Amino acid sequence: MHRTEKDQYKLASNFFLRLAQTLCALSIPDFQEKMRLFHDIHDLIKLKKPIQLMQASQQDKNEEGNDEPHDVLLPQANLPVTDEKIFCITTDNASSNSTFVQRLTDYCDSNGLDFKLDNWIRCLAHVINLSVKEALKHFKPLLAKLHKLVKAVRASPQRLKKLKEFCGTENNVDKLVPILDVDTRWSSSFEMIERALKIKTALDSLTNSERDLRRLELEDEEWTLLIEIQSFLKPFAEITRVAEGSTFPTLVFAVPLYNSLMIVLDGYEEEKDDFVHDFLIIDAARSANLKLKAYYNKTTSIYLIATILDPRLKLEYFKDNE
C-alpha cells in the first residue's frame, strides 16, 4: 500500500513517542516528574515542534523485500537516558532495522552510553519465516496449483456446499473448509496443505465432478509430495509456536531452537543418497539451512548468557551438545 509522507511521518512519530516515553519510564523514579516529561515529549513530537524523525524520500527494496530508508535520524530531544538503562533491542531482520540499530549504536557511542551492536536481538520467529520462505520457493508450482484450487472452491458457495456433501460426517471433516495461504505468512502455506490433506478425498471428488476444476486436479504424485512437504514444515511450525510465546521468556531457547532445526535439516542432506525423500525436499532443506545458519552466525554473547543463566539449561546444555 502506498503511503504518503504524512502517513510516514505519523507512523514514525507514534514509534518514537512510545520509544521515548518507555525510556523515560525506565529512567525516572519520581512519578510527577515522569508525567511532566511525558507531556513534554508528546508536545515535542505530536503538537508543537515536529522534528525530522526519518529521512525516507527515496526507498529501496532490500533482500527481504522491505522498504529500506536511506537514513534514519534519532530525535534530538534531551532525554534522561543513562547507560545502565539501555540493554538490548529486539527487532525483525529488515535492513531498515539494521540501519536504525547502527545509528542508535553510533548515537550512544558519541554520547557516552554503553550500547553495542551485539545488544541487538534478532527476532527468531522472523528468522524462521525467512528460512521457510527459501524452502517454499522449491515447491512454487505445486503450491500455486493448490492455491488456485482452494481459491476457486472458496469463491463459490455452491462448490463449498458440494465439498461439504463429499466430505460426509466422518471425523467432522464436513465442518472444514479449505484454507487459503497468503504471501506474508509462511505458516498459512502449512495450514493450507494440512487442511487440503484432511479433505483430500472430498477435493478429488469435487474436481472430478466439475469440468472447470479438472485442470486443477492434483495427481497422486502431487498429493504424495504434499504429504512430504507437510512433514518437512511441521518442525518449523512447532518451533515457531515456542519462539512466538508471549507469556514466558524466549531468548533462553533461541540457541537450542536454532540447533534443533539445523539438526533436522542436516538430516535431509545426510539421507540424500538413500532416496528416502523427493529431491525437491532435499533442495528445500539445503536452502532453508543456509538461511538459518547465516542468521545463527549473527547471534552474540547475549544468546549464550541467556541460555547459561536458565536453570533448565545452564552450561550443561553446551556440554551435552558439543
C-alpha atoms as a PDB file:
ATOM      1  CA  MET A   1       0.000   0.000   0.000  1.00  0.00           C
ATOM      2  CA  HIS A   2       1.337   3.408  -0.958  1.00  0.00           C
ATOM      3  CA  ARG A   3       1.960   5.709   1.984  1.00  0.00           C
ATOM      4  CA  THR A   4       2.120   9.468   1.731  1.00  0.00           C
ATOM      5  CA  GLU A   5       4.811  11.481   3.507  1.00  0.00           C
ATOM      6  CA  LYS A   6       2.172  12.471   6.063  1.00  0.00           C
ATOM      7  CA  ASP A   7       1.402   8.813   6.765  1.00  0.00           C
ATOM      8  CA  GLN A   8       5.106   8.001   7.077  1.00  0.00           C
ATOM      9  CA  TYR A   9       5.624  10.880   9.468  1.00  0.00           C
ATOM     10  CA  LYS A  10       2.647   9.803  11.577  1.00  0.00           C
ATOM     11  CA  LEU A  11       3.954   6.240  11.848  1.00  0.00           C
ATOM     12  CA  ALA A  12       7.438   7.433  12.742  1.00  0.00           C
ATOM     13  CA  SER A  13       6.061   9.913  15.275  1.00  0.00           C
ATOM     14  CA  ASN A  14       4.000   7.255  17.020  1.00  0.00           C
ATOM     15  CA  PHE A  15       7.000   4.935  17.157  1.00  0.00           C
ATOM     16  CA  PHE A  16       9.391   7.453  18.633  1.00  0.00           C
ATOM     17  CA  LEU A  17       6.751   8.759  21.029  1.00  0.00           C
ATOM     18  CA  ARG A  18       6.333   5.290  22.506  1.00  0.00           C
ATOM     19  CA  LEU A  19      10.089   4.664  22.481  1.00  0.00           C
ATOM     20  CA  ALA A  20      10.875   7.930  24.244  1.00  0.00           C
ATOM     21  CA  GLN A  21       8.150   7.514  26.849  1.00  0.00           C
ATOM     22  CA  THR A  22       9.226   3.950  27.568  1.00  0.00           C
ATOM     23  CA  LEU A  23      12.834   5.018  28.057  1.00  0.00           C
ATOM     24  CA  CYS A  24      11.711   7.790  30.384  1.00  0.00           C
ATOM     25  CA  ALA A  25       9.504   5.424  32.359  1.00  0.00           C
ATOM     26  CA  LEU A  26      12.552   3.252  32.977  1.00  0.00           C
ATOM     27  CA  SER A  27      14.812   6.166  33.849  1.00  0.00           C
ATOM     28  CA  ILE A  28      12.818   8.444  36.182  1.00  0.00           C
ATOM     29  CA  PRO A  29      11.645   7.194  39.596  1.00  0.00           C
ATOM     30  CA  ASP A  30       9.640  10.322  40.512  1.00  0.00           C
ATOM     31  CA  PHE A  31       6.039   9.928  39.237  1.00  0.00           C
ATOM     32  CA  GLN A  32       5.223  13.654  38.853  1.00  0.00           C
ATOM     33  CA  GLU A  33       8.482  14.341  37.018  1.00  0.00           C
ATOM     34  CA  LYS A  34       7.834  11.327  34.811  1.00  0.00           C
ATOM     35  CA  MET A  35       4.341  12.547  33.852  1.00  0.00           C
ATOM     36  CA  ARG A  36       5.597  16.079  33.175  1.00  0.00           C
ATOM     37  CA  LEU A  37       8.223  14.754  30.807  1.00  0.00           C
ATOM     38  CA  PHE A  38       5.664  12.519  29.104  1.00  0.00           C
ATOM     39  CA  HIS A  39       3.631  15.613  28.237  1.00  0.00           C
ATOM     40  CA  ASP A  40       6.755  17.464  27.066  1.00  0.00           C
ATOM     41  CA  ILE A  41       7.650  14.608  24.757  1.00  0.00           C
ATOM     42  CA  HIS A  42       4.091  14.459  23.433  1.00  0.00           C
ATOM     43  CA  ASP A  43       4.179  18.205  22.690  1.00  0.00           C
ATOM     44  CA  LEU A  44       7.583  17.915  21.059  1.00  0.00           C
ATOM     45  CA  ILE A  45       6.696  15.063  18.757  1.00  0.00           C
ATOM     46  CA  LYS A  46       2.949  15.360  18.153  1.00  0.00           C
ATOM     47  CA  LEU A  47       1.935  19.013  18.513  1.00  0.00           C
ATOM     48  CA  LYS A  48       4.389  21.890  18.785  1.00  0.00           C
ATOM     49  CA  LYS A  49       7.755  21.065  17.325  1.00  0.00           C
ATOM     50  CA  PRO A  50       7.646  18.341  14.706  1.00  0.00           C
ATOM     51  CA  ILE A  51      11.210  17.150  14.252  1.00  0.00           C
ATOM     52  CA  GLN A  52      12.783  15.177  11.493  1.00  0.00           C
ATOM     53  CA  LEU A  53      12.489  11.588  12.608  1.00  0.00           C
ATOM     54  CA  MET A  54      13.154   9.694   9.440  1.00  0.00           C
ATOM     55  CA  GLN A  55      14.503  10.648   6.062  1.00  0.00           C
ATOM     56  CA  ALA A  56      12.981   8.279   3.581  1.00  0.00           C
ATOM     57  CA  SER A  57      12.363  10.300   0.457  1.00  0.00           C
ATOM     58  CA  GLN A  58      13.920   7.517  -1.581  1.00  0.00           C
ATOM     59  CA  GLN A  59      13.090   3.868  -0.981  1.00  0.00           C
ATOM     60  CA  ASP A  60      14.979   0.717  -1.816  1.00  0.00           C
ATOM     61  CA  LYS A  61      13.824  -2.862  -1.707  1.00  0.00           C
ATOM     62  CA  ASN A  62      16.198  -4.818   0.476  1.00  0.00           C
ATOM     63  CA  GLU A  63      16.985  -8.535   0.306  1.00  0.00           C
ATOM     64  CA  GLU A  64      13.974  -9.483   2.410  1.00  0.00           C
ATOM     65  CA  GLY A  65      11.550  -7.351   0.366  1.00  0.00           C
ATOM     66  CA  ASN A  66      11.034  -4.463   2.793  1.00  0.00           C
ATOM     67  CA  ASP A  67      11.220  -0.756   2.083  1.00  0.00           C
ATOM     68  CA  GLU A  68      14.522   0.488   3.437  1.00  0.00           C
ATOM     69  CA  PRO A  69      15.061   4.165   4.269  1.00  0.00           C
ATOM     70  CA  HIS A  70      18.422   5.539   3.186  1.00  0.00           C
ATOM     71  CA  ASP A  71      18.925   7.236   6.520  1.00  0.00           C
ATOM     72  CA  VAL A  72      17.463   7.101   9.988  1.00  0.00           C
ATOM     73  CA  LEU A  73      17.796  10.033  12.396  1.00  0.00           C
ATOM     74  CA  LEU A  74      17.231   9.823  16.127  1.00  0.00           C
ATOM     75  CA  PRO A  75      15.152  12.611  17.684  1.00  0.00           C
ATOM     76  CA  GLN A  76      17.310  15.351  19.128  1.00  0.00           C
ATOM     77  CA  ALA A  77      15.335  15.503  22.378  1.00  0.00           C
ATOM     78  CA  ASN A  78      17.250  15.794  25.642  1.00  0.00           C
ATOM     79  CA  LEU A  79      16.026  12.526  27.174  1.00  0.00           C
ATOM     80  CA  PRO A  80      17.353  11.484  30.600  1.00  0.00           C
ATOM     81  CA  VAL A  81      18.643   8.084  29.488  1.00  0.00           C
ATOM     82  CA  THR A  82      21.626   6.674  31.370  1.00  0.00           C
ATOM     83  CA  ASP A  83      23.971   3.944  30.260  1.00  0.00           C
ATOM     84  CA  GLU A  84      22.709   1.406  32.794  1.00  0.00           C
ATOM     85  CA  LYS A  85      19.158   1.731  31.448  1.00  0.00           C
ATOM     86  CA  ILE A  86      19.898   0.563  27.895  1.00  0.00           C
ATOM     87  CA  PHE A  87      20.431  -3.146  27.469  1.00  0.00           C
ATOM     88  CA  CYS A  88      19.012  -4.819  24.353  1.00  0.00           C
ATOM     89  CA  ILE A  89      16.718  -4.104  21.431  1.00  0.00           C
ATOM     90  CA  THR A  90      14.689  -6.824  19.690  1.00  0.00           C
ATOM     91  CA  THR A  91      13.502  -6.324  16.100  1.00  0.00           C
ATOM     92  CA  ASP A  92      12.896  -8.348  12.982  1.00  0.00           C
ATOM     93  CA  ASN A  93      15.621  -8.630  10.348  1.00  0.00           C
ATOM     94  CA  ALA A  94      14.608  -5.924   7.882  1.00  0.00           C
ATOM     95  CA  SER A  95      17.541  -3.873   6.613  1.00  0.00           C
ATOM     96  CA  SER A  96      15.820  -0.720   7.834  1.00  0.00           C
ATOM     97  CA  ASN A  97      16.109  -2.077  11.378  1.00  0.00           C
ATOM     98  CA  SER A  98      19.775  -2.826  10.808  1.00  0.00           C
ATOM     99  CA  THR A  99      20.248   0.805   9.794  1.00  0.00           C
ATOM    100  CA  PHE A 100      18.311   2.016  12.837  1.00  0.00           C
ATOM    101  CA  VAL A 101      20.321  -0.115  15.293  1.00  0.00           C
ATOM    102  CA  GLN A 102      23.587   1.013  13.711  1.00  0.00           C
ATOM    103  CA  ARG A 103      22.513   4.668  14.045  1.00  0.00           C
ATOM    104  CA  LEU A 104      21.472   4.051  17.657  1.00  0.00           C
ATOM    105  CA  THR A 105      24.841   2.420  18.364  1.00  0.00           C
ATOM    106  CA  ASP A 106      26.667   5.417  16.898  1.00  0.00           C
ATOM    107  CA  TYR A 107      24.454   7.822  18.862  1.00  0.00           C
ATOM    108  CA  CYS A 108      25.103   6.008  22.142  1.00  0.00           C
ATOM    109  CA  ASP A 109      28.830   5.789  21.449  1.00  0.00           C
ATOM    110  CA  SER A 110      29.097   9.520  20.783  1.00  0.00           C
ATOM    111  CA  ASN A 111      27.097  10.285  23.943  1.00  0.00           C
ATOM    112  CA  GLY A 112      28.995   8.007  26.277  1.00  0.00           C
ATOM    113  CA  LEU A 113      26.264   5.367  26.518  1.00  0.00           C
ATOM    114  CA  ASP A 114      27.184   1.706  26.690  1.00  0.00           C
ATOM    115  CA  PHE A 115      25.190   0.169  23.869  1.00  0.00           C
ATOM    116  CA  LYS A 116      26.891  -2.040  21.287  1.00  0.00           C
ATOM    117  CA  LEU A 117      25.695  -3.685  18.100  1.00  0.00           C
ATOM    118  CA  ASP A 118      25.959  -7.020  19.920  1.00  0.00           C
ATOM    119  CA  ASN A 119      22.983  -5.925  22.029  1.00  0.00           C
ATOM    120  CA  TRP A 120      20.689  -6.291  19.018  1.00  0.00           C
ATOM    121  CA  ILE A 121      18.472  -9.375  19.344  1.00  0.00           C
ATOM    122  CA  ARG A 122      17.053 -10.612  16.060  1.00  0.00           C
ATOM    123  CA  CYS A 123      13.517 -11.999  16.166  1.00  0.00           C
ATOM    124  CA  LEU A 124      13.829 -15.786  15.861  1.00  0.00           C
ATOM    125  CA  ALA A 125      10.291 -16.201  14.535  1.00  0.00           C
ATOM    126  CA  HIS A 126      11.176 -13.846  11.676  1.00  0.00           C
ATOM    127  CA  VAL A 127      14.400 -15.768  11.001  1.00  0.00           C
ATOM    128  CA  ILE A 128      12.354 -18.963  10.741  1.00  0.00           C
ATOM    129  CA  ASN A 129       9.967 -17.173   8.404  1.00  0.00           C
ATOM    130  CA  LEU A 130      12.837 -16.171   6.099  1.00  0.00           C
ATOM    131  CA  SER A 131      14.280 -19.681   6.213  1.00  0.00           C
ATOM    132  CA  VAL A 132      10.982 -21.359   5.328  1.00  0.00           C
ATOM    133  CA  LYS A 133      10.340 -18.912   2.507  1.00  0.00           C
ATOM    134  CA  GLU A 134      13.619 -20.012   0.930  1.00  0.00           C
ATOM    135  CA  ALA A 135      12.423 -23.604   1.145  1.00  0.00           C
ATOM    136  CA  LEU A 136       8.949 -22.891  -0.258  1.00  0.00           C
ATOM    137  CA  LYS A 137      10.473 -21.490  -3.454  1.00  0.00           C
ATOM    138  CA  HIS A 138      11.256 -25.076  -4.467  1.00  0.00           C
ATOM    139  CA  PHE A 139       7.560 -26.034  -4.309  1.00  0.00           C
ATOM    140  CA  LYS A 140       6.215 -22.943  -6.040  1.00  0.00           C
ATOM    141  CA  PRO A 141       4.425 -24.650  -8.997  1.00  0.00           C
ATOM    142  CA  LEU A 142       2.632 -27.204  -6.792  1.00  0.00           C
ATOM    143  CA  LEU A 143       1.665 -24.670  -4.131  1.00  0.00           C
ATOM    144  CA  ALA A 144       0.434 -22.273  -6.809  1.00  0.00           C
ATOM    145  CA  LYS A 145      -1.792 -25.018  -8.230  1.00  0.00           C
ATOM    146  CA  LEU A 146      -3.198 -25.852  -4.803  1.00  0.00           C
ATOM    147  CA  HIS A 147      -3.711 -22.142  -4.118  1.00  0.00           C
ATOM    148  CA  LYS A 148      -5.765 -21.768  -7.312  1.00  0.00           C
ATOM    149  CA  LEU A 149      -7.863 -24.811  -6.443  1.00  0.00           C
ATOM    150  CA  VAL A 150      -8.582 -23.594  -2.919  1.00  0.00           C
ATOM    151  CA  LYS A 151      -9.360 -20.100  -4.176  1.00  0.00           C
ATOM    152  CA  ALA A 152     -11.798 -21.449  -6.792  1.00  0.00           C
ATOM    153  CA  VAL A 153     -13.591 -23.572  -4.207  1.00  0.00           C
ATOM    154  CA  ARG A 154     -13.817 -20.847  -1.560  1.00  0.00           C
ATOM    155  CA  ALA A 155     -15.104 -18.298  -4.094  1.00  0.00           C
ATOM    156  CA  SER A 156     -18.231 -20.353  -4.832  1.00  0.00           C
ATOM    157  CA  PRO A 157     -20.926 -21.082  -2.202  1.00  0.00           C
ATOM    158  CA  GLN A 158     -22.210 -23.854  -4.479  1.00  0.00           C
ATOM    159  CA  ARG A 159     -18.806 -25.551  -4.574  1.00  0.00           C
ATOM    160  CA  LEU A 160     -18.412 -25.233  -0.815  1.00  0.00           C
ATOM    161  CA  LYS A 161     -21.789 -26.889  -0.368  1.00  0.00           C
ATOM    162  CA  LYS A 162     -20.815 -29.736  -2.710  1.00  0.00           C
ATOM    163  CA  LEU A 163     -17.493 -30.097  -0.929  1.00  0.00           C
ATOM    164  CA  LYS A 164     -19.305 -30.446   2.385  1.00  0.00           C
ATOM    165  CA  GLU A 165     -21.508 -33.147   0.890  1.00  0.00           C
ATOM    166  CA  PHE A 166     -18.468 -35.027  -0.409  1.00  0.00           C
ATOM    167  CA  CYS A 167     -16.811 -34.762   2.994  1.00  0.00           C
ATOM    168  CA  GLY A 168     -19.609 -36.575   4.757  1.00  0.00           C
ATOM    169  CA  THR A 169     -19.628 -36.620   8.542  1.00  0.00           C
ATOM    170  CA  GLU A 170     -16.600 -38.778   9.276  1.00  0.00           C
ATOM    171  CA  ASN A 171     -14.236 -37.131  11.810  1.00  0.00           C
ATOM    172  CA  ASN A 172     -16.187 -33.869  11.484  1.00  0.00           C
ATOM    173  CA  VAL A 173     -14.453 -33.061   8.182  1.00  0.00           C
ATOM    174  CA  ASP A 174     -17.788 -31.787   6.914  1.00  0.00           C
ATOM    175  CA  LYS A 175     -17.181 -28.694   9.062  1.00  0.00           C
ATOM    176  CA  LEU A 176     -13.835 -27.974   7.440  1.00  0.00           C
ATOM    177  CA  VAL A 177     -13.274 -25.618   4.523  1.00  0.00           C
ATOM    178  CA  PRO A 178     -10.059 -25.192   2.530  1.00  0.00           C
ATOM    179  CA  ILE A 179      -7.587 -22.657   3.908  1.00  0.00           C
ATOM    180  CA  LEU A 180      -6.084 -20.109   1.502  1.00  0.00           C
ATOM    181  CA  ASP A 181      -2.443 -19.164   2.001  1.00  0.00           C
ATOM    182  CA  VAL A 182      -1.084 -15.606   1.939  1.00  0.00           C
ATOM    183  CA  ASP A 183       2.386 -14.396   0.956  1.00  0.00           C
ATOM    184  CA  THR A 184       3.073 -12.625   4.246  1.00  0.00           C
ATOM    185  CA  ARG A 185       2.710 -15.711   6.463  1.00  0.00           C
ATOM    186  CA  TRP A 186       4.575 -18.897   5.629  1.00  0.00           C
ATOM    187  CA  SER A 187       2.525 -20.770   8.235  1.00  0.00           C
ATOM    188  CA  SER A 188      -0.564 -20.185   6.103  1.00  0.00           C
ATOM    189  CA  SER A 189       1.024 -22.402   3.433  1.00  0.00           C
ATOM    190  CA  PHE A 190       1.494 -25.121   6.041  1.00  0.00           C
ATOM    191  CA  GLU A 191      -2.109 -24.705   7.171  1.00  0.00           C
ATOM    192  CA  MET A 192      -3.370 -24.801   3.573  1.00  0.00           C
ATOM    193  CA  ILE A 193      -1.516 -28.073   2.923  1.00  0.00           C
ATOM    194  CA  GLU A 194      -2.588 -29.603   6.229  1.00  0.00           C
ATOM    195  CA  ARG A 195      -6.257 -28.795   5.612  1.00  0.00           C
ATOM    196  CA  ALA A 196      -6.136 -29.988   1.987  1.00  0.00           C
ATOM    197  CA  LEU A 197      -4.743 -33.345   3.085  1.00  0.00           C
ATOM    198  CA  LYS A 198      -7.530 -33.736   5.647  1.00  0.00           C
ATOM    199  CA  ILE A 199     -10.191 -33.281   2.964  1.00  0.00           C
ATOM    200  CA  LYS A 200      -8.225 -34.869   0.107  1.00  0.00           C
ATOM    201  CA  THR A 201     -10.949 -37.342  -0.855  1.00  0.00           C
ATOM    202  CA  ALA A 202     -13.593 -34.624  -0.997  1.00  0.00           C
ATOM    203  CA  LEU A 203     -11.358 -32.295  -3.050  1.00  0.00           C
ATOM    204  CA  ASP A 204     -10.660 -35.084  -5.543  1.00  0.00           C
ATOM    205  CA  SER A 205     -14.377 -35.825  -5.848  1.00  0.00           C
ATOM    206  CA  LEU A 206     -15.156 -32.152  -6.351  1.00  0.00           C
ATOM    207  CA  THR A 207     -12.547 -31.638  -9.076  1.00  0.00           C
ATOM    208  CA  ASN A 208     -13.770 -34.787 -10.845  1.00  0.00           C
ATOM    209  CA  SER A 209     -17.366 -33.563 -10.752  1.00  0.00           C
ATOM    210  CA  GLU A 210     -16.723 -30.108 -12.202  1.00  0.00           C
ATOM    211  CA  ARG A 211     -15.263 -29.572 -15.648  1.00  0.00           C
ATOM    212  CA  ASP A 212     -13.862 -26.127 -14.751  1.00  0.00           C
ATOM    213  CA  LEU A 213     -11.842 -27.598 -11.892  1.00  0.00           C
ATOM    214  CA  ARG A 214     -10.352 -30.587 -13.671  1.00  0.00           C
ATOM    215  CA  ARG A 215      -7.284 -28.637 -14.776  1.00  0.00           C
ATOM    216  CA  LEU A 216      -6.559 -28.063 -11.068  1.00  0.00           C
ATOM    217  CA  GLU A 217      -6.966 -31.699 -10.078  1.00  0.00           C
ATOM    218  CA  LEU A 218      -3.955 -32.933  -8.127  1.00  0.00           C
ATOM    219  CA  GLU A 219      -2.270 -36.111  -9.328  1.00  0.00           C
ATOM    220  CA  ASP A 220      -1.315 -38.905  -6.920  1.00  0.00           C
ATOM    221  CA  GLU A 221       2.363 -37.954  -7.006  1.00  0.00           C
ATOM    222  CA  GLU A 222       1.446 -34.354  -6.197  1.00  0.00           C
ATOM    223  CA  TRP A 223      -0.543 -35.473  -3.156  1.00  0.00           C
ATOM    224  CA  THR A 224       2.430 -37.605  -2.115  1.00  0.00           C
ATOM    225  CA  LEU A 225       4.725 -34.593  -2.374  1.00  0.00           C
ATOM    226  CA  LEU A 226       2.281 -32.513  -0.319  1.00  0.00           C
ATOM    227  CA  ILE A 227       2.475 -35.136   2.432  1.00  0.00           C
ATOM    228  CA  GLU A 228       6.267 -34.813   2.396  1.00  0.00           C
ATOM    229  CA  ILE A 229       6.074 -31.019   2.422  1.00  0.00           C
ATOM    230  CA  GLN A 230       3.735 -31.129   5.413  1.00  0.00           C
ATOM    231  CA  SER A 231       6.170 -33.377   7.274  1.00  0.00           C
ATOM    232  CA  PHE A 232       9.066 -31.108   6.284  1.00  0.00           C
ATOM    233  CA  LEU A 233       7.311 -27.958   7.543  1.00  0.00           C
ATOM    234  CA  LYS A 234       5.998 -29.403  10.799  1.00  0.00           C
ATOM    235  CA  PRO A 235       9.198 -28.807  12.862  1.00  0.00           C
ATOM    236  CA  PHE A 236       9.230 -25.173  11.697  1.00  0.00           C
ATOM    237  CA  ALA A 237       5.618 -24.756  12.817  1.00  0.00           C
ATOM    238  CA  GLU A 238       6.288 -26.298  16.223  1.00  0.00           C
ATOM    239  CA  ILE A 239       9.394 -24.195  16.869  1.00  0.00           C
ATOM    240  CA  THR A 240       7.655 -21.022  15.686  1.00  0.00           C
ATOM    241  CA  ARG A 241       4.958 -21.555  18.327  1.00  0.00           C
ATOM    242  CA  VAL A 242       7.666 -21.638  21.008  1.00  0.00           C
ATOM    243  CA  ALA A 243       9.541 -18.654  19.560  1.00  0.00           C
ATOM    244  CA  GLU A 244       6.338 -16.591  19.476  1.00  0.00           C
ATOM    245  CA  GLY A 245       5.487 -17.296  23.110  1.00  0.00           C
ATOM    246  CA  SER A 246       4.260 -14.183  24.909  1.00  0.00           C
ATOM    247  CA  THR A 247       3.837 -15.438  28.479  1.00  0.00           C
ATOM    248  CA  PHE A 248       7.425 -16.608  29.071  1.00  0.00           C
ATOM    249  CA  PRO A 249      10.964 -15.524  28.094  1.00  0.00           C
ATOM    250  CA  THR A 250      12.003 -16.963  24.744  1.00  0.00           C
ATOM    251  CA  LEU A 251      15.596 -15.741  24.342  1.00  0.00           C
ATOM    252  CA  VAL A 252      16.834 -18.610  26.528  1.00  0.00           C
ATOM    253  CA  PHE A 253      15.519 -21.086  23.957  1.00  0.00           C
ATOM    254  CA  ALA A 254      16.979 -19.361  20.883  1.00  0.00           C
ATOM    255  CA  VAL A 255      20.234 -21.372  20.691  1.00  0.00           C
ATOM    256  CA  PRO A 256      18.532 -24.749  21.389  1.00  0.00           C
ATOM    257  CA  LEU A 257      15.811 -23.981  18.839  1.00  0.00           C
ATOM    258  CA  TYR A 258      18.357 -22.962  16.195  1.00  0.00           C
ATOM    259  CA  ASN A 259      20.324 -26.154  16.801  1.00  0.00           C
ATOM    260  CA  SER A 260      17.317 -28.455  16.779  1.00  0.00           C
ATOM    261  CA  LEU A 261      16.167 -27.078  13.430  1.00  0.00           C
ATOM    262  CA  MET A 262      19.624 -27.297  11.884  1.00  0.00           C
ATOM    263  CA  ILE A 263      19.958 -30.908  13.049  1.00  0.00           C
ATOM    264  CA  VAL A 264      16.645 -31.756  11.350  1.00  0.00           C
ATOM    265  CA  LEU A 265      17.718 -30.029   8.128  1.00  0.00           C
ATOM    266  CA  ASP A 266      21.181 -31.635   8.166  1.00  0.00           C
ATOM    267  CA  GLY A 267      19.406 -34.978   8.356  1.00  0.00           C
ATOM    268  CA  TYR A 268      17.851 -34.448   4.927  1.00  0.00           C
ATOM    269  CA  GLU A 269      21.304 -33.854   3.449  1.00  0.00           C
ATOM    270  CA  GLU A 270      22.652 -36.993   5.094  1.00  0.00           C
ATOM    271  CA  GLU A 271      19.829 -39.104   3.652  1.00  0.00           C
ATOM    272  CA  LYS A 272      20.003 -37.730   0.102  1.00  0.00           C
ATOM    273  CA  ASP A 273      21.779 -40.840  -1.242  1.00  0.00           C
ATOM    274  CA  ASP A 274      19.197 -43.173   0.288  1.00  0.00           C
ATOM    275  CA  PHE A 275      16.396 -41.818  -1.936  1.00  0.00           C
ATOM    276  CA  VAL A 276      14.129 -41.583   1.113  1.00  0.00           C
ATOM    277  CA  HIS A 277      12.926 -38.084   0.201  1.00  0.00           C
ATOM    278  CA  ASP A 278      11.917 -36.336  -3.001  1.00  0.00           C
ATOM    279  CA  PHE A 279      14.826 -34.377  -4.493  1.00  0.00           C
ATOM    280  CA  LEU A 280      12.786 -31.171  -4.114  1.00  0.00           C
ATOM    281  CA  ILE A 281      12.638 -31.761  -0.350  1.00  0.00           C
ATOM    282  CA  ILE A 282      16.431 -32.195  -0.247  1.00  0.00           C
ATOM    283  CA  ASP A 283      16.966 -28.939  -2.148  1.00  0.00           C
ATOM    284  CA  ALA A 284      14.444 -27.108   0.026  1.00  0.00           C
ATOM    285  CA  ALA A 285      16.140 -28.316   3.208  1.00  0.00           C
ATOM    286  CA  ARG A 286      19.512 -27.161   1.892  1.00  0.00           C
ATOM    287  CA  SER A 287      18.191 -23.671   1.080  1.00  0.00           C
ATOM    288  CA  ALA A 288      16.432 -23.325   4.433  1.00  0.00           C
ATOM    289  CA  ASN A 289      19.532 -24.484   6.291  1.00  0.00           C
ATOM    290  CA  LEU A 290      21.779 -21.969   4.548  1.00  0.00           C
ATOM    291  CA  LYS A 291      19.492 -19.095   5.527  1.00  0.00           C
ATOM    292  CA  LEU A 292      19.163 -20.380   9.086  1.00  0.00           C
ATOM    293  CA  LYS A 293      22.917 -20.791   9.558  1.00  0.00           C
ATOM    294  CA  ALA A 294      23.554 -17.314   8.164  1.00  0.00           C
ATOM    295  CA  TYR A 295      21.483 -15.812  10.972  1.00  0.00           C
ATOM    296  CA  TYR A 296      22.776 -18.271  13.576  1.00  0.00           C
ATOM    297  CA  ASN A 297      26.266 -16.953  12.863  1.00  0.00           C
ATOM    298  CA  LYS A 298      24.978 -13.476  13.752  1.00  0.00           C
ATOM    299  CA  THR A 299      23.999 -14.478  17.283  1.00  0.00           C
ATOM    300  CA  THR A 300      26.033 -12.810  20.020  1.00  0.00           C
ATOM    301  CA  SER A 301      27.091 -13.471  23.590  1.00  0.00           C
ATOM    302  CA  ILE A 302      23.672 -12.253  24.761  1.00  0.00           C
ATOM    303  CA  TYR A 303      22.154 -15.514  23.494  1.00  0.00           C
ATOM    304  CA  LEU A 304      24.804 -17.608  25.249  1.00  0.00           C
ATOM    305  CA  ILE A 305      24.426 -15.744  28.541  1.00  0.00           C
ATOM    306  CA  ALA A 306      20.649 -16.167  28.486  1.00  0.00           C
ATOM    307  CA  THR A 307      21.000 -19.895  27.864  1.00  0.00           C
ATOM    308  CA  ILE A 308      23.599 -20.386  30.599  1.00  0.00           C
ATOM    309  CA  LEU A 309      21.564 -18.423  33.160  1.00  0.00           C
ATOM    310  CA  ASP A 310      18.450 -20.517  32.589  1.00  0.00           C
ATOM    311  CA  PRO A 311      18.380 -23.144  35.381  1.00  0.00           C
ATOM    312  CA  ARG A 312      16.950 -25.726  32.982  1.00  0.00           C
ATOM    313  CA  LEU A 313      19.882 -25.421  30.577  1.00  0.00           C
ATOM    314  CA  LYS A 314      22.978 -23.865  32.185  1.00  0.00           C
ATOM    315  CA  LEU A 315      26.409 -24.874  30.886  1.00  0.00           C
ATOM    316  CA  GLU A 316      25.205 -28.466  30.766  1.00  0.00           C
ATOM    317  CA  TYR A 317      23.342 -27.747  27.536  1.00  0.00           C
ATOM    318  CA  PHE A 318      26.574 -26.839  25.742  1.00  0.00           C
ATOM    319  CA  LYS A 319      28.467 -29.745  27.277  1.00  0.00           C
ATOM    320  CA  ASP A 320      25.774 -32.173  26.164  1.00  0.00           C
ATOM    321  CA  ASN A 321      25.640 -30.727  22.642  1.00  0.00           C
ATOM    322  CA  GLU A 322      29.287 -30.236  21.776  1.00  0.00           C
END
